[in-house]
C-alpha atoms as a PDB file:
ATOM      1  CA  MET A   1      -0.090   0.301  -0.112  1.00  0.00           C
ATOM      2  CA  LYS A   2       1.634   3.342  -0.477  1.00  0.00           C
ATOM      3  CA  TRP A   3       1.931   5.701   1.796  1.00  0.00           C
ATOM      4  CA  THR A   4      -0.092   8.543   0.942  1.00  0.00           C
ATOM      5  CA  GLU A   5      -2.785   5.645   1.379  1.00  0.00           C
ATOM      6  CA  ILE A   6      -1.691   4.524   5.448  1.00  0.00           C
ATOM      7  CA  CYS A   7      -1.679   8.072   6.184  1.00  0.00           C
ATOM      8  CA  ASP A   8      -5.631   8.155   5.035  1.00  0.00           C
ATOM      9  CA  LYS A   9      -6.842   5.008   6.111  1.00  0.00           C
ATOM     10  CA  TYR A  10      -4.893   4.532   9.349  1.00  0.00           C
ATOM     11  CA  GLU A  11      -5.012   8.101  10.884  1.00  0.00           C
ATOM     12  CA  GLU A  12      -5.362   8.363  14.963  1.00  0.00           C
ATOM     13  CA  LYS A  13      -3.462   4.271  15.107  1.00  0.00           C
ATOM     14  CA  TRP A  14      -0.208   2.767  14.963  1.00  0.00           C
ATOM     15  CA  VAL A  15       0.215   1.127  12.612  1.00  0.00           C
ATOM     16  CA  LEU A  16       3.008  -1.862  11.672  1.00  0.00           C
ATOM     17  CA  LEU A  17       4.029  -2.116   8.301  1.00  0.00           C
ATOM     18  CA  ASP A  18       6.512  -5.192   7.649  1.00  0.00           C
ATOM     19  CA  ASN A  19       8.394  -5.156   3.354  1.00  0.00           C
ATOM     20  CA  VAL A  20       8.886  -1.211   3.712  1.00  0.00           C
ATOM     21  CA  LEU A  21      10.190   0.282   1.200  1.00  0.00           C
ATOM     22  CA  MET A  22      11.848   3.900   1.027  1.00  0.00           C
ATOM     23  CA  ASP A  23      12.299   6.485  -0.670  1.00  0.00           C
ATOM     24  CA  GLU A  24      16.504   6.084  -0.209  1.00  0.00           C
ATOM     25  CA  GLU A  25      17.371   9.729  -0.675  1.00  0.00           C
ATOM     26  CA  ASN A  26      15.921  11.150   1.815  1.00  0.00           C
ATOM     27  CA  MET A  27      15.291   8.009   4.090  1.00  0.00           C
ATOM     28  CA  ARG A  28      11.148   8.006   4.109  1.00  0.00           C
ATOM     29  CA  ILE A  29       8.449   5.465   3.606  1.00  0.00           C
ATOM     30  CA  THR A  30       6.922   5.061   0.084  1.00  0.00           C
ATOM     31  CA  GLU A  31       4.969   1.695   0.915  1.00  0.00           C
ATOM     32  CA  GLY A  32       4.948  -1.360   2.321  1.00  0.00           C
ATOM     33  CA  THR A  33       2.360  -4.031   3.905  1.00  0.00           C
ATOM     34  CA  VAL A  34      -0.111  -3.214   6.407  1.00  0.00           C
ATOM     35  CA  LEU A  35       0.241  -6.447   8.982  1.00  0.00           C
ATOM     36  CA  CYS A  36      -1.777  -4.834  11.987  1.00  0.00           C
ATOM     37  CA  HIS A  37      -3.166  -1.306  13.011  1.00  0.00           C
ATOM     38  CA  HIS A  38      -4.062  -0.237  16.596  1.00  0.00           C
ATOM     39  CA  ALA A  39      -5.049   2.979  18.411  1.00  0.00           C
ATOM     40  CA  ASP A  40      -3.057   1.275  21.488  1.00  0.00           C
ATOM     41  CA  LYS A  41       0.743   1.086  20.669  1.00  0.00           C
ATOM     42  CA  ASP A  42       1.057  -1.905  23.113  1.00  0.00           C
ATOM     43  CA  GLU A  43      -0.996  -4.085  21.139  1.00  0.00           C
ATOM     44  CA  VAL A  44       1.281  -3.497  17.875  1.00  0.00           C
ATOM     45  CA  TYR A  45       4.094  -3.667  19.110  1.00  0.00           C
ATOM     46  CA  LYS A  46       2.974  -7.272  20.657  1.00  0.00           C
ATOM     47  CA  LYS A  47       1.845  -8.411  16.911  1.00  0.00           C
ATOM     48  CA  ALA A  48       5.729  -7.538  16.044  1.00  0.00           C
ATOM     49  CA  SER A  49       6.981  -9.945  18.400  1.00  0.00           C
ATOM     50  CA  GLU A  50       4.388 -12.336  17.430  1.00  0.00           C
ATOM     51  CA  LEU A  51       4.414 -12.445  13.959  1.00  0.00           C
ATOM     52  CA  ARG A  52       8.498 -11.428  13.576  1.00  0.00           C
ATOM     53  CA  PRO A  53       8.318  -9.168  10.222  1.00  0.00           C
ATOM     54  CA  ARG A  54      12.169  -8.654   8.773  1.00  0.00           C
ATOM     55  CA  LYS A  55      11.837  -5.196   7.119  1.00  0.00           C
ATOM     56  CA  PHE A  56       9.107  -3.740   9.345  1.00  0.00           C
ATOM     57  CA  ALA A  57       8.405  -0.219  10.850  1.00  0.00           C
ATOM     58  CA  ILE A  58       5.872   0.880  13.600  1.00  0.00           C
ATOM     59  CA  GLU A  59       4.388   3.777  12.989  1.00  0.00           C
ATOM     60  CA  TYR A  60       1.709   6.364  14.346  1.00  0.00           C
ATOM     61  CA  PHE A  61      -0.755   8.570  11.776  1.00  0.00           C
ATOM     62  CA  GLY A  62      -1.792  11.647  13.585  1.00  0.00           C
ATOM     63  CA  GLU A  63      -1.080  13.937  16.367  1.00  0.00           C
ATOM     64  CA  PRO A  64       1.682  12.647  18.421  1.00  0.00           C
ATOM     65  CA  PRO A  65       0.016  11.240  21.628  1.00  0.00           C
ATOM     66  CA  GLU A  66       1.199  13.648  24.708  1.00  0.00           C
ATOM     67  CA  ASP A  67       2.943  10.744  26.398  1.00  0.00           C
ATOM     68  CA  LEU A  68       4.495   9.861  23.686  1.00  0.00           C
ATOM     69  CA  ALA A  69       8.777  10.287  23.844  1.00  0.00           C
ATOM     70  CA  VAL A  70      11.140  10.479  21.476  1.00  0.00           C
ATOM     71  CA  MET A  71      14.569   8.908  21.236  1.00  0.00           C
ATOM     72  CA  LEU A  72      17.176   9.514  18.370  1.00  0.00           C
END
């Protein structure tokens, strides 16, 4: 599924993507296969642990939750 489709379809959800394709120049995801989605990030991480996809990403589509901490 294309990135724009994922953004539109899974607003305010955490999404587990597999077979992620990247724009190497900008290091951004261009498309991927949605394996699961949920409002609770713990549920998505649990599913990732069960499925153990090889080339995956977990993304949130919406305004970042207030309790979200980001480490770079």
